[in-house]
Amino acid sequence: MLATWKKFSSLLVVVGLGLLLWAYSQLRLMPEQAAKEWLTQWTGTFFAVTATLILVIVVVQMESLVNRVKAMPRELKWILPGILLGSALYVAVMAPQVHRIYYDESIYLSIGQNLTHLNRAQTCHSGGEEYGLFRCEQWEYNKQPNGFPFLASVVFRIFGTSEYAVFYLNNLLLGVAGLSVLFLAYLISGGWRAGLFSALLVILIPQNLHWYNTTAAEPSSAVTAALVVLTAFAYLRNKNAATLTLLTLLFAFAIQFRPESLLLGPLVLLIVGRPALVFRKAFAANILLFGVLTLPLWLHMELFRNHPWGSTGVPFSRDYFLANLNVNGWHFLTNREFPLLITILAFCGLAWPGPRWMERGVLGIWFLLFWGVFLFFYAGSYHYGADVRYAIVCYLPLTVLGGLGAERIIHLLMQTTSFRHTTLVGILTLLLVVSHMAFLPRVRAMTDEAWAARADYQYAQKMVAKVPPESLILTHNPNMFQLWGYHAAQMSVIQSNPHHLNQGLFPRYQGGIYLHYNFWCNVQDPVQNSFCKMALEQYDHEIISEYREKDYRYTLYRLRQKTVAKPS
């Protein structure tokens, strides 16, 4: 009977894989707009199923997890919540709570808002919230994967639509990052000391403090990658079917946060892709599960595989390699943006002769994959605007290696000197903290990247307080106003559909139609400037509020339709 069931289950897996390939081929044949509609409608459901299955596996494994926690040293049980909450509190207090990548963060949050209210993975070009419910009349499917917007939607469902809730989510993710590298270093080294140092290093990296106090997608991308690697090493140790399923689910979830997250594929195969593990029926069944849950991602990648990603030329090329290498390589060696002491510890953890060299090599490859991919990207330089955020996704393997390096150094000094263990730990911790203090002025700095867009955002928050209910704001960035609870639409409607504006929107919004003269009206972009100019030429207007930052002007106008004198 058991043999019959095994044959039947194998047949089901084969049939399932065949159906999966057929379904993907059918999706690829859809016209582009139909494919975008399908993704907009179904992506949220696929994410919800994946997240629910992850929680189910965690609940199933809860007894085992509780037993593992009980087996920990008593002191460590108190340290774990301290790492989680202490890291979140430290980043929230030390770094400015501000958006650093405009206007991508607003787009992520807008997709989250639409997933929350409409279960549609879209940005909204015209719409707003009314009586607690969100409506969208004109939408667009975005080129970025939707993992982080889904996380934002979960937070919005629980706490309401507030960008501050997502700031706190990223704060908390810094604590999750600390716990992830702690357990990862423990699995590799067999000791908690390396893990505790790894967790400490996470919060001592200045750029971590900057970006984990934003609503950018890179922190969540880095953390979910760390959870996948941790689960892969756990499966390598226990060979448990439930752990393999959890790895599959986390992997399917994590690769949908940023395009480079797909590099987790070769990394996972490097860790668990051994013949004794691969040629198991459970492995084949999980491949089927993975394929089903990531159907939206593959269709998404197919749609945007030739997207320029903001480049006027080729987005990826070997031509960018040397220039990016010069910047991104020195990033870890100059002790200006990244602590040199952490680089030295990471090198010791990687290159020190001793056991676990294969696992340490995997950590090095993890770093190389997520650092090296941007060397070929036209905007991959860490000094290109705010693109230092790309470094975030390669920091966590360095912290694990740094923790391993700290452990090896302390072990060597214990053997060659008369210092006690606690003394050596204290000295190294003090050196790390003192080194970190030199970076605190930069951590607290707003920095001048994207100053004009940041001013636009801050002044818009002040302007919107003067907009009465039942109003509509025309702007290049409707997402941010919609997040604040207002109705907003793309300014381009003035050119693309003036009849709708004059006959539909002006009569509908009794509070008035307002024009947000913003960043895109100031920047040297003739197409975007033309919308602002056309609006002020075609409609009577009055200034409601105005601010200036350097040579940029930010103004809120109220528009009125021009009255045409009747012939006498």
Protein backbone atom coordinates (compact mmCIF):
# COMPACT_ATOMS: atom_id res chain seq x y z
CA MET A 1 0.00 0.00 0.00
CA LEU A 2 2.85 2.38 0.91
CA ALA A 3 4.70 1.58 -2.34
CA THR A 4 1.51 2.30 -4.34
CA TRP A 5 1.07 5.64 -2.59
CA LYS A 6 4.70 6.61 -3.31
CA LYS A 7 4.24 5.83 -7.01
CA PHE A 8 0.96 7.78 -7.07
CA SER A 9 2.51 10.79 -5.30
CA SER A 10 5.42 10.76 -7.77
CA LEU A 11 2.92 10.74 -10.64
CA LEU A 12 1.07 13.67 -9.08
CA VAL A 13 4.29 15.68 -8.88
CA VAL A 14 5.15 14.97 -12.54
CA VAL A 15 1.62 15.87 -13.68
CA GLY A 16 1.69 18.99 -11.52
CA LEU A 17 4.97 20.17 -13.02
CA GLY A 18 3.55 19.61 -16.50
CA LEU A 19 0.42 21.63 -15.69
CA LEU A 20 2.58 24.36 -14.18
CA LEU A 21 4.65 24.70 -17.35
CA TRP A 22 1.46 24.74 -19.43
CA ALA A 23 -0.06 27.47 -17.22
CA TYR A 24 3.07 29.61 -17.54
CA SER A 25 3.12 29.20 -21.32
CA GLN A 26 -0.50 30.36 -21.47
CA LEU A 27 0.23 33.39 -19.33
CA ARG A 28 3.14 34.34 -21.58
CA LEU A 29 0.83 34.33 -24.60
CA MET A 30 -1.44 36.98 -23.10
CA PRO A 31 -1.26 40.53 -24.51
CA GLU A 32 0.81 42.88 -22.37
CA GLN A 33 -2.12 44.80 -20.90
CA ALA A 34 -4.02 41.58 -20.12
CA ALA A 35 -0.92 40.20 -18.39
CA LYS A 36 -0.63 43.37 -16.30
CA GLU A 37 -4.30 43.11 -15.36
CA TRP A 38 -3.80 39.47 -14.33
CA LEU A 39 -0.77 40.40 -12.20
CA THR A 40 -2.58 43.34 -10.66
CA GLN A 41 -5.52 41.16 -9.69
CA TRP A 42 -3.77 37.98 -8.52
CA THR A 43 -0.35 38.93 -7.11
CA GLY A 44 -1.77 39.84 -3.70
CA THR A 45 -3.58 36.50 -3.45
CA PHE A 46 -0.41 34.54 -4.23
CA PHE A 47 1.48 36.50 -1.57
CA ALA A 48 -1.28 35.93 0.97
CA VAL A 49 -1.24 32.16 0.33
CA THR A 50 2.56 32.06 0.67
CA ALA A 51 2.55 34.07 3.90
CA THR A 52 -0.24 31.94 5.37
CA LEU A 53 1.62 28.71 4.58
CA ILE A 54 4.76 30.11 6.23
CA LEU A 55 2.76 30.80 9.40
CA VAL A 56 1.23 27.31 9.25
CA ILE A 57 4.68 25.70 9.08
CA VAL A 58 5.90 27.86 11.97
CA VAL A 59 2.88 26.79 14.07
CA VAL A 60 3.46 23.13 13.16
CA GLN A 61 7.10 23.47 14.23
CA MET A 62 6.29 25.52 17.33
CA GLU A 63 6.97 22.71 19.81
CA SER A 64 10.40 22.10 18.30
CA LEU A 65 11.16 25.82 18.32
CA VAL A 66 10.11 26.15 21.97
CA ASN A 67 12.36 23.24 22.93
CA ARG A 68 15.30 24.87 21.15
CA VAL A 69 14.71 28.12 23.03
CA LYS A 70 14.55 26.21 26.33
CA ALA A 71 17.93 24.63 25.54
CA MET A 72 19.58 28.07 25.19
CA PRO A 73 21.62 29.55 28.04
CA ARG A 74 19.44 31.53 30.43
CA GLU A 75 21.26 34.81 29.77
CA LEU A 76 20.71 34.46 26.03
CA LYS A 77 16.95 34.12 26.46
CA TRP A 78 16.91 37.64 27.88
CA ILE A 79 19.31 38.98 25.25
CA LEU A 80 17.20 37.89 22.26
CA PRO A 81 14.23 40.26 22.86
CA GLY A 82 16.78 42.93 23.74
CA ILE A 83 18.40 42.56 20.31
CA LEU A 84 15.03 42.72 18.56
CA LEU A 85 13.60 45.72 20.40
CA GLY A 86 16.90 47.44 21.22
CA SER A 87 17.97 47.49 17.58
CA ALA A 88 14.60 48.92 16.52
CA LEU A 89 14.75 51.60 19.20
CA TYR A 90 18.37 52.50 18.45
CA VAL A 91 17.80 53.07 14.73
CA ALA A 92 14.59 55.00 15.41
CA VAL A 93 16.40 57.36 17.83
CA MET A 94 19.80 57.76 16.16
CA ALA A 95 18.96 58.20 12.46
CA PRO A 96 16.55 60.73 10.88
CA GLN A 97 13.18 59.23 10.03
CA VAL A 98 12.98 60.31 6.42
CA HIS A 99 12.44 59.05 2.90
CA ARG A 100 15.78 58.83 1.10
CA ILE A 101 14.79 57.49 -2.31
CA TYR A 102 12.18 59.65 -3.99
CA TYR A 103 9.68 58.85 -5.20
CA ASP A 104 10.12 55.10 -5.11
CA GLU A 105 9.16 54.83 -1.46
CA SER A 106 5.82 56.52 -2.17
CA ILE A 107 5.24 54.04 -4.99
CA TYR A 108 5.90 51.07 -2.68
CA LEU A 109 3.50 52.46 -0.09
CA SER A 110 0.89 53.24 -2.75
CA ILE A 111 0.94 49.63 -3.95
CA GLY A 112 0.58 48.58 -0.33
CA GLN A 113 -2.41 50.91 0.06
CA ASN A 114 -4.05 49.48 -3.05
CA LEU A 115 -3.39 45.90 -1.90
CA THR A 116 -4.93 46.75 1.47
CA HIS A 117 -8.16 48.26 0.19
CA LEU A 118 -8.59 46.73 -3.27
CA ASN A 119 -6.36 43.63 -3.20
CA ARG A 120 -4.77 44.94 -6.39
CA ALA A 121 -0.99 45.27 -6.86
CA GLN A 122 -1.08 48.68 -8.54
CA THR A 123 -0.15 52.30 -8.15
CA CYS A 124 -3.02 54.74 -8.41
CA HIS A 125 -2.80 57.72 -10.77
CA SER A 126 -6.20 59.09 -9.87
CA GLY A 127 -8.12 58.35 -6.71
CA GLY A 128 -8.24 58.75 -2.98
CA GLU A 129 -9.80 57.74 0.30
CA GLU A 130 -13.41 58.59 1.07
CA TYR A 131 -15.23 57.66 4.28
CA GLY A 132 -12.44 55.24 5.18
CA LEU A 133 -12.44 53.36 1.85
CA PHE A 134 -9.99 53.83 -0.98
CA ARG A 135 -11.04 54.19 -4.61
CA CYS A 136 -8.85 54.22 -7.69
CA GLU A 137 -10.04 55.37 -11.10
CA GLN A 138 -6.76 55.10 -13.03
CA TRP A 139 -4.04 52.57 -12.21
CA GLU A 140 -0.67 51.31 -13.40
CA TYR A 141 1.26 48.09 -12.76
CA ASN A 142 4.77 48.92 -11.49
CA LYS A 143 8.07 47.43 -12.70
CA GLN A 144 9.41 46.59 -9.21
CA PRO A 145 8.57 43.23 -7.57
CA ASN A 146 5.80 43.47 -4.98
CA GLY A 147 7.25 41.75 -1.90
CA PHE A 148 7.79 44.88 0.17
CA PRO A 149 4.45 46.48 -0.81
CA PHE A 150 2.78 43.28 0.40
CA LEU A 151 4.52 43.61 3.78
CA ALA A 152 3.38 47.24 3.91
CA SER A 153 -0.19 46.12 3.16
CA VAL A 154 -0.10 43.71 6.11
CA VAL A 155 0.92 46.59 8.38
CA PHE A 156 -1.76 48.84 6.85
CA ARG A 157 -4.45 46.22 7.45
CA ILE A 158 -3.52 46.00 11.13
CA PHE A 159 -2.67 49.62 11.99
CA GLY A 160 -4.33 51.64 9.22
CA THR A 161 -2.80 53.39 6.23
CA SER A 162 0.09 55.33 7.73
CA GLU A 163 3.59 55.69 6.33
CA TYR A 164 4.88 55.93 9.91
CA ALA A 165 3.77 52.35 10.53
CA VAL A 166 6.06 51.24 7.68
CA PHE A 167 8.93 53.27 9.12
CA TYR A 168 8.46 51.28 12.34
CA LEU A 169 8.29 48.06 10.32
CA ASN A 170 11.74 48.74 8.85
CA ASN A 171 13.00 49.68 12.32
CA LEU A 172 11.85 46.30 13.59
CA LEU A 173 13.44 44.57 10.60
CA LEU A 174 16.84 45.74 11.85
CA GLY A 175 16.20 43.70 14.98
CA VAL A 176 15.11 40.72 12.86
CA ALA A 177 18.35 41.11 10.88
CA GLY A 178 20.31 40.95 14.14
CA LEU A 179 18.55 37.78 15.26
CA SER A 180 18.96 36.19 11.82
CA VAL A 181 22.73 36.65 11.73
CA LEU A 182 23.00 35.60 15.37
CA PHE A 183 21.43 32.20 14.69
CA LEU A 184 23.26 31.86 11.38
CA ALA A 185 26.64 32.45 13.02
CA TYR A 186 25.68 29.97 15.75
CA LEU A 187 24.77 27.27 13.21
CA ILE A 188 28.11 27.73 11.46
CA SER A 189 30.39 28.14 14.47
CA GLY A 190 28.55 26.11 17.09
CA GLY A 191 28.97 28.92 19.65
CA TRP A 192 26.83 31.84 20.70
CA ARG A 193 29.73 34.29 21.02
CA ALA A 194 30.12 34.63 17.24
CA GLY A 195 26.36 35.15 16.91
CA LEU A 196 26.23 37.91 19.50
CA PHE A 197 29.09 39.77 17.83
CA SER A 198 27.33 39.37 14.45
CA ALA A 199 24.15 40.89 15.87
CA LEU A 200 26.15 43.78 17.33
CA LEU A 201 27.83 44.49 14.00
CA VAL A 202 24.44 44.85 12.27
CA ILE A 203 23.57 47.98 14.26
CA LEU A 204 27.10 49.42 14.06
CA ILE A 205 26.97 49.85 10.27
CA PRO A 206 26.06 53.52 9.57
CA GLN A 207 24.20 52.87 6.30
CA ASN A 208 22.07 50.26 8.04
CA LEU A 209 20.94 52.94 10.48
CA HIS A 210 20.17 55.31 7.61
CA TRP A 211 18.16 52.92 5.48
CA TYR A 212 16.37 50.93 8.18
CA ASN A 213 14.74 54.23 9.16
CA THR A 214 13.19 54.74 5.73
CA THR A 215 10.38 52.99 3.88
CA ALA A 216 12.74 51.64 1.20
CA ALA A 217 12.59 48.03 0.02
CA GLU A 218 16.29 47.18 0.49
CA PRO A 219 16.12 46.43 4.25
CA SER A 220 13.35 43.86 3.81
CA SER A 221 15.18 42.38 0.82
CA ALA A 222 18.32 41.92 2.92
CA VAL A 223 16.45 40.43 5.89
CA THR A 224 14.37 37.94 3.91
CA ALA A 225 17.55 36.81 2.12
CA ALA A 226 19.17 36.20 5.53
CA LEU A 227 16.13 34.18 6.68
CA VAL A 228 16.39 32.02 3.54
CA VAL A 229 20.10 31.34 4.10
CA LEU A 230 19.47 30.59 7.79
CA THR A 231 16.70 28.13 6.94
CA ALA A 232 18.86 26.49 4.27
CA PHE A 233 21.64 25.85 6.80
CA ALA A 234 19.05 24.59 9.30
CA TYR A 235 17.72 22.12 6.72
CA LEU A 236 21.26 21.00 5.94
CA ARG A 237 21.61 20.13 9.60
CA ASN A 238 18.27 18.45 10.42
CA LYS A 239 17.08 17.10 6.98
CA ASN A 240 13.52 17.73 8.21
CA ALA A 241 10.71 17.79 5.60
CA ALA A 242 8.95 20.66 7.39
CA THR A 243 12.18 22.71 7.32
CA LEU A 244 12.51 22.04 3.59
CA THR A 245 8.96 23.26 3.02
CA LEU A 246 9.65 26.35 5.13
CA LEU A 247 12.78 26.99 3.04
CA THR A 248 10.73 26.66 -0.14
CA LEU A 249 8.10 29.10 1.08
CA LEU A 250 10.62 31.65 2.38
CA PHE A 251 12.60 31.36 -0.86
CA ALA A 252 9.46 31.94 -2.95
CA PHE A 253 8.65 34.95 -0.79
CA ALA A 254 12.16 36.48 -0.59
CA ILE A 255 12.97 36.55 -4.30
CA GLN A 256 10.04 38.90 -4.87
CA PHE A 257 11.47 41.88 -2.98
CA ARG A 258 14.04 43.21 -5.45
CA PRO A 259 15.29 42.05 -8.87
CA GLU A 260 18.69 40.98 -7.49
CA SER A 261 16.93 38.77 -4.93
CA LEU A 262 16.81 36.14 -7.68
CA LEU A 263 20.51 35.56 -6.90
CA LEU A 264 19.31 33.62 -3.87
CA GLY A 265 18.64 30.77 -6.32
CA PRO A 266 22.26 29.72 -6.91
CA LEU A 267 23.04 30.40 -3.25
CA VAL A 268 20.32 28.03 -2.00
CA LEU A 269 21.38 25.37 -4.50
CA LEU A 270 24.96 25.74 -3.30
CA ILE A 271 23.86 25.07 0.29
CA VAL A 272 21.31 22.26 -0.14
CA GLY A 273 21.87 21.11 -3.71
CA ARG A 274 23.63 17.89 -2.82
CA PRO A 275 22.62 14.65 -4.56
CA ALA A 276 21.56 12.99 -1.31
CA LEU A 277 19.12 15.84 -0.69
CA VAL A 278 18.04 16.72 -4.23
CA PHE A 279 16.98 13.22 -5.29
CA ARG A 280 14.18 12.96 -2.76
CA LYS A 281 10.46 13.03 -3.53
CA ALA A 282 10.00 15.81 -0.98
CA PHE A 283 12.44 17.94 -2.95
CA ALA A 284 10.49 17.45 -6.19
CA ALA A 285 7.19 18.25 -4.46
CA ASN A 286 8.66 21.46 -3.08
CA ILE A 287 9.90 22.46 -6.52
CA LEU A 288 6.29 22.15 -7.68
CA LEU A 289 5.10 24.24 -4.72
CA PHE A 290 7.76 26.85 -5.45
CA GLY A 291 6.78 27.01 -9.12
CA VAL A 292 3.11 27.55 -8.33
CA LEU A 293 3.71 30.27 -5.73
CA THR A 294 6.12 32.21 -7.96
CA LEU A 295 4.00 32.21 -11.13
CA PRO A 296 3.35 35.97 -10.82
CA LEU A 297 7.07 36.66 -10.48
CA TRP A 298 8.03 34.83 -13.67
CA LEU A 299 5.32 36.63 -15.63
CA HIS A 300 6.46 39.91 -14.07
CA MET A 301 10.07 39.26 -15.10
CA GLU A 302 8.95 38.37 -18.61
CA LEU A 303 7.07 41.66 -18.94
CA PHE A 304 9.98 43.83 -17.77
CA ARG A 305 13.01 41.88 -19.00
CA ASN A 306 13.83 44.62 -21.54
CA HIS A 307 12.96 47.55 -19.29
CA PRO A 308 15.63 50.32 -19.30
CA TRP A 309 15.37 50.85 -15.48
CA GLY A 310 15.87 54.58 -15.90
CA SER A 311 18.91 54.26 -18.16
CA THR A 312 19.19 56.15 -21.43
CA GLY A 313 21.48 53.38 -22.71
CA VAL A 314 22.10 49.76 -21.75
CA PRO A 315 21.26 49.27 -18.03
CA PHE A 316 23.65 46.32 -17.53
CA SER A 317 27.06 46.20 -19.19
CA ARG A 318 30.70 45.27 -18.54
CA ASP A 319 31.51 48.88 -19.43
CA TYR A 320 30.40 49.99 -15.95
CA PHE A 321 32.49 47.40 -14.12
CA LEU A 322 35.79 49.22 -13.50
CA ALA A 323 34.24 52.55 -12.48
CA ASN A 324 31.80 50.87 -10.08
CA LEU A 325 34.51 48.57 -8.71
CA ASN A 326 36.69 51.55 -7.87
CA VAL A 327 33.90 53.11 -5.81
CA ASN A 328 32.19 50.05 -4.35
CA GLY A 329 35.44 48.31 -3.47
CA TRP A 330 36.91 51.24 -1.56
CA HIS A 331 33.58 51.62 0.23
CA PHE A 332 34.66 48.86 2.63
CA LEU A 333 38.27 50.04 3.05
CA THR A 334 38.35 53.82 3.58
CA ASN A 335 36.58 53.88 6.98
CA ARG A 336 34.33 56.70 5.76
CA GLU A 337 30.96 55.09 5.06
CA PHE A 338 31.67 51.58 6.35
CA PRO A 339 33.75 50.75 9.48
CA LEU A 340 37.13 49.34 8.49
CA LEU A 341 37.23 47.32 11.71
CA ILE A 342 34.18 45.34 10.56
CA THR A 343 35.86 44.71 7.19
CA ILE A 344 38.96 43.38 8.99
CA LEU A 345 36.86 41.11 11.22
CA ALA A 346 34.92 39.81 8.19
CA PHE A 347 38.18 39.05 6.37
CA CYS A 348 39.44 37.16 9.42
CA GLY A 349 36.19 35.20 9.58
CA LEU A 350 36.50 34.24 5.92
CA ALA A 351 40.22 33.56 5.55
CA TRP A 352 41.25 32.27 8.98
CA PRO A 353 42.47 28.66 8.70
CA GLY A 354 40.25 26.23 10.53
CA PRO A 355 36.99 24.28 10.43
CA ARG A 356 33.74 25.17 8.66
CA TRP A 357 35.60 26.52 5.64
CA MET A 358 32.82 25.45 3.26
CA GLU A 359 30.15 27.30 5.21
CA ARG A 360 32.37 30.38 5.46
CA GLY A 361 32.95 30.15 1.73
CA VAL A 362 29.18 30.19 1.15
CA LEU A 363 28.96 33.41 3.18
CA GLY A 364 31.68 34.90 1.01
CA ILE A 365 29.80 33.91 -2.14
CA TRP A 366 26.61 35.40 -0.68
CA PHE A 367 28.46 38.71 -0.27
CA LEU A 368 30.06 38.53 -3.73
CA LEU A 369 26.75 37.83 -5.48
CA PHE A 370 24.85 40.74 -3.92
CA TRP A 371 27.81 43.12 -4.07
CA GLY A 372 29.07 42.09 -7.48
CA VAL A 373 25.78 42.31 -9.38
CA PHE A 374 25.75 46.12 -9.11
CA LEU A 375 29.23 46.44 -10.58
CA PHE A 376 27.60 45.88 -13.98
CA PHE A 377 24.64 48.23 -13.39
CA TYR A 378 24.66 51.73 -14.88
CA ALA A 379 23.50 53.20 -11.53
CA GLY A 380 25.36 50.66 -9.39
CA SER A 381 27.94 53.05 -7.95
CA TYR A 382 27.48 53.63 -4.21
CA HIS A 383 28.27 57.31 -4.89
CA TYR A 384 25.57 57.67 -7.56
CA GLY A 385 22.89 59.71 -5.79
CA ALA A 386 21.23 57.64 -3.09
CA ASP A 387 22.31 54.32 -4.62
CA VAL A 388 24.46 53.47 -1.63
CA ARG A 389 21.24 51.71 -0.59
CA TYR A 390 22.29 48.85 -2.85
CA ALA A 391 25.05 48.08 -0.33
CA ILE A 392 22.42 47.15 2.26
CA VAL A 393 21.73 43.79 0.60
CA CYS A 394 25.37 42.64 0.92
CA TYR A 395 26.02 43.75 4.52
CA LEU A 396 24.50 40.83 6.44
CA PRO A 397 26.94 38.13 5.19
CA LEU A 398 29.75 40.47 6.25
CA THR A 399 28.32 40.72 9.76
CA VAL A 400 28.19 36.92 10.06
CA LEU A 401 31.79 36.65 8.85
CA GLY A 402 32.69 39.49 11.21
CA GLY A 403 31.19 37.61 14.14
CA LEU A 404 33.13 34.48 13.18
CA GLY A 405 36.30 36.58 12.87
CA ALA A 406 35.76 38.12 16.32
CA GLU A 407 35.36 34.66 17.80
CA ARG A 408 38.58 33.40 16.18
CA ILE A 409 40.58 36.42 17.38
CA ILE A 410 39.32 36.05 20.95
CA HIS A 411 40.05 32.32 20.90
CA LEU A 412 43.62 32.98 19.71
CA LEU A 413 44.24 35.66 22.35
CA MET A 414 42.91 33.39 25.09
CA GLN A 415 45.52 30.82 24.09
CA THR A 416 48.44 33.22 23.77
CA THR A 417 47.80 35.75 26.56
CA SER A 418 46.71 35.72 30.18
CA PHE A 419 43.56 37.75 29.52
CA ARG A 420 40.28 36.18 30.56
CA HIS A 421 37.45 35.56 28.14
CA THR A 422 35.20 38.30 29.53
CA THR A 423 38.05 40.82 29.40
CA LEU A 424 38.78 40.11 25.74
CA VAL A 425 35.10 40.28 24.80
CA GLY A 426 34.82 43.59 26.62
CA ILE A 427 37.91 45.07 24.93
CA LEU A 428 36.78 44.08 21.42
CA THR A 429 33.24 45.33 22.08
CA LEU A 430 34.64 48.64 23.35
CA LEU A 431 36.83 49.02 20.24
CA LEU A 432 33.80 48.41 18.01
CA VAL A 433 31.64 50.92 19.90
CA VAL A 434 34.38 53.59 19.91
CA SER A 435 34.87 53.03 16.17
CA HIS A 436 31.12 53.41 15.68
CA MET A 437 31.03 56.71 17.57
CA ALA A 438 33.17 58.32 14.86
CA PHE A 439 30.32 57.68 12.42
CA LEU A 440 27.51 59.12 14.59
CA PRO A 441 27.55 62.64 13.06
CA ARG A 442 27.02 61.06 9.64
CA VAL A 443 24.33 58.75 11.05
CA ARG A 444 22.40 61.77 12.35
CA ALA A 445 22.89 63.72 9.11
CA MET A 446 20.10 64.14 6.59
CA THR A 447 22.76 64.30 3.78
CA ASP A 448 22.27 66.33 0.63
CA GLU A 449 21.22 63.51 -1.72
CA ALA A 450 17.78 64.21 -3.15
CA TRP A 451 17.50 67.51 -1.21
CA ALA A 452 15.09 68.98 -3.76
CA ALA A 453 12.74 65.99 -3.71
CA ARG A 454 12.92 65.83 0.09
CA ALA A 455 11.96 69.51 0.29
CA ASP A 456 9.09 68.82 -2.10
CA TYR A 457 7.80 66.09 0.21
CA GLN A 458 8.17 68.12 3.41
CA TYR A 459 6.53 71.24 2.00
CA ALA A 460 3.71 69.19 0.49
CA GLN A 461 2.85 67.97 4.00
CA LYS A 462 2.49 71.58 5.10
CA MET A 463 0.53 72.62 2.01
CA VAL A 464 -1.99 69.83 2.23
CA ALA A 465 -3.23 71.10 5.58
CA LYS A 466 -4.74 74.04 3.69
CA VAL A 467 -6.70 71.88 1.27
CA PRO A 468 -10.39 71.54 2.26
CA PRO A 469 -12.35 68.28 2.11
CA GLU A 470 -13.85 67.14 -1.19
CA SER A 471 -10.92 68.57 -3.14
CA LEU A 472 -8.60 67.13 -5.79
CA ILE A 473 -4.87 67.81 -6.04
CA LEU A 474 -3.21 67.64 -9.45
CA THR A 475 0.44 66.65 -9.07
CA HIS A 476 3.22 64.51 -10.49
CA ASN A 477 3.18 62.47 -7.26
CA PRO A 478 -0.42 61.61 -6.38
CA ASN A 479 0.66 58.60 -4.29
CA MET A 480 1.93 60.62 -1.36
CA PHE A 481 -1.27 62.71 -1.11
CA GLN A 482 -3.40 59.56 -1.34
CA LEU A 483 -1.40 58.07 1.55
CA TRP A 484 -2.23 61.16 3.58
CA GLY A 485 -5.95 60.64 2.93
CA TYR A 486 -6.53 63.12 0.07
CA HIS A 487 -7.79 62.76 -3.48
CA ALA A 488 -5.05 63.26 -6.04
CA ALA A 489 -4.49 62.70 -9.76
CA GLN A 490 -1.64 62.91 -12.25
CA MET A 491 -1.14 66.44 -13.54
CA SER A 492 -0.85 65.03 -17.06
CA VAL A 493 -4.67 64.78 -17.17
CA ILE A 494 -4.55 68.45 -18.16
CA GLN A 495 -3.04 67.40 -21.47
CA SER A 496 -4.28 63.83 -21.93
CA ASN A 497 -7.95 64.31 -21.01
CA PRO A 498 -8.92 67.99 -20.57
CA HIS A 499 -12.60 67.23 -21.22
CA HIS A 500 -12.70 64.85 -18.23
CA LEU A 501 -11.01 67.47 -16.08
CA ASN A 502 -13.36 70.29 -17.09
CA GLN A 503 -16.65 68.39 -17.33
CA GLY A 504 -16.05 65.63 -14.78
CA LEU A 505 -13.58 66.62 -12.09
CA PHE A 506 -14.31 70.32 -11.59
CA PRO A 507 -18.06 69.74 -10.95
CA ARG A 508 -17.39 66.67 -8.77
CA TYR A 509 -14.89 68.16 -6.32
CA GLN A 510 -16.75 70.99 -4.63
CA GLY A 511 -13.77 71.81 -2.41
CA GLY A 512 -11.81 72.82 -5.49
CA ILE A 513 -9.11 71.65 -7.85
CA TYR A 514 -5.56 72.37 -6.67
CA LEU A 515 -2.25 72.31 -8.52
CA HIS A 516 0.87 71.13 -6.72
CA TYR A 517 3.81 72.96 -8.33
CA ASN A 518 6.47 70.48 -7.27
CA PHE A 519 9.94 69.04 -7.87
CA TRP A 520 9.11 68.01 -11.45
CA CYS A 521 8.02 71.55 -12.31
CA ASN A 522 11.49 72.82 -11.30
CA VAL A 523 13.79 70.13 -12.63
CA GLN A 524 15.18 70.36 -16.17
CA ASP A 525 12.65 68.09 -17.86
CA PRO A 526 10.70 69.78 -20.68
CA VAL A 527 7.96 67.13 -20.79
CA GLN A 528 7.17 67.35 -17.06
CA ASN A 529 7.56 71.14 -17.05
CA SER A 530 5.01 71.42 -19.85
CA PHE A 531 2.19 70.07 -17.65
CA CYS A 532 2.84 72.72 -15.00
CA LYS A 533 3.07 75.50 -17.59
CA MET A 534 -0.07 74.37 -19.41
CA ALA A 535 -2.11 74.28 -16.21
CA LEU A 536 -1.19 77.84 -15.24
CA GLU A 537 -1.83 79.09 -18.77
CA GLN A 538 -5.22 77.44 -19.26
CA TYR A 539 -6.77 78.09 -15.85
CA ASP A 540 -7.18 81.07 -13.59
CA HIS A 541 -5.21 80.47 -10.41
CA GLU A 542 -4.37 81.87 -7.02
CA ILE A 543 -1.48 81.01 -4.71
CA ILE A 544 -2.58 79.24 -1.54
CA SER A 545 0.85 78.41 -0.15
CA GLU A 546 4.44 78.83 -1.33
CA TYR A 547 7.90 77.75 -0.12
CA ARG A 548 11.42 78.05 -1.52
CA GLU A 549 14.48 75.84 -1.10
CA LYS A 550 17.65 77.11 -2.77
CA ASP A 551 16.59 77.93 -6.35
CA TYR A 552 13.49 75.69 -6.32
CA ARG A 553 9.94 76.94 -5.80
CA TYR A 554 7.16 74.80 -4.33
CA THR A 555 3.67 76.24 -4.64
CA LEU A 556 0.08 75.17 -4.07
CA TYR A 557 -2.36 76.86 -6.47
CA ARG A 558 -6.12 76.73 -6.61
CA LEU A 559 -7.30 76.43 -10.19
CA ARG A 560 -10.50 77.88 -11.58
CA GLN A 561 -11.93 77.51 -15.04
CA LYS A 562 -11.58 80.66 -17.07
CA THR A 563 -14.84 82.46 -17.60
CA VAL A 564 -15.62 83.36 -21.16
CA ALA A 565 -17.48 86.65 -21.57
CA LYS A 566 -20.79 86.22 -23.35
CA PRO A 567 -21.24 88.31 -26.50
CA SER A 568 -23.48 91.30 -25.92
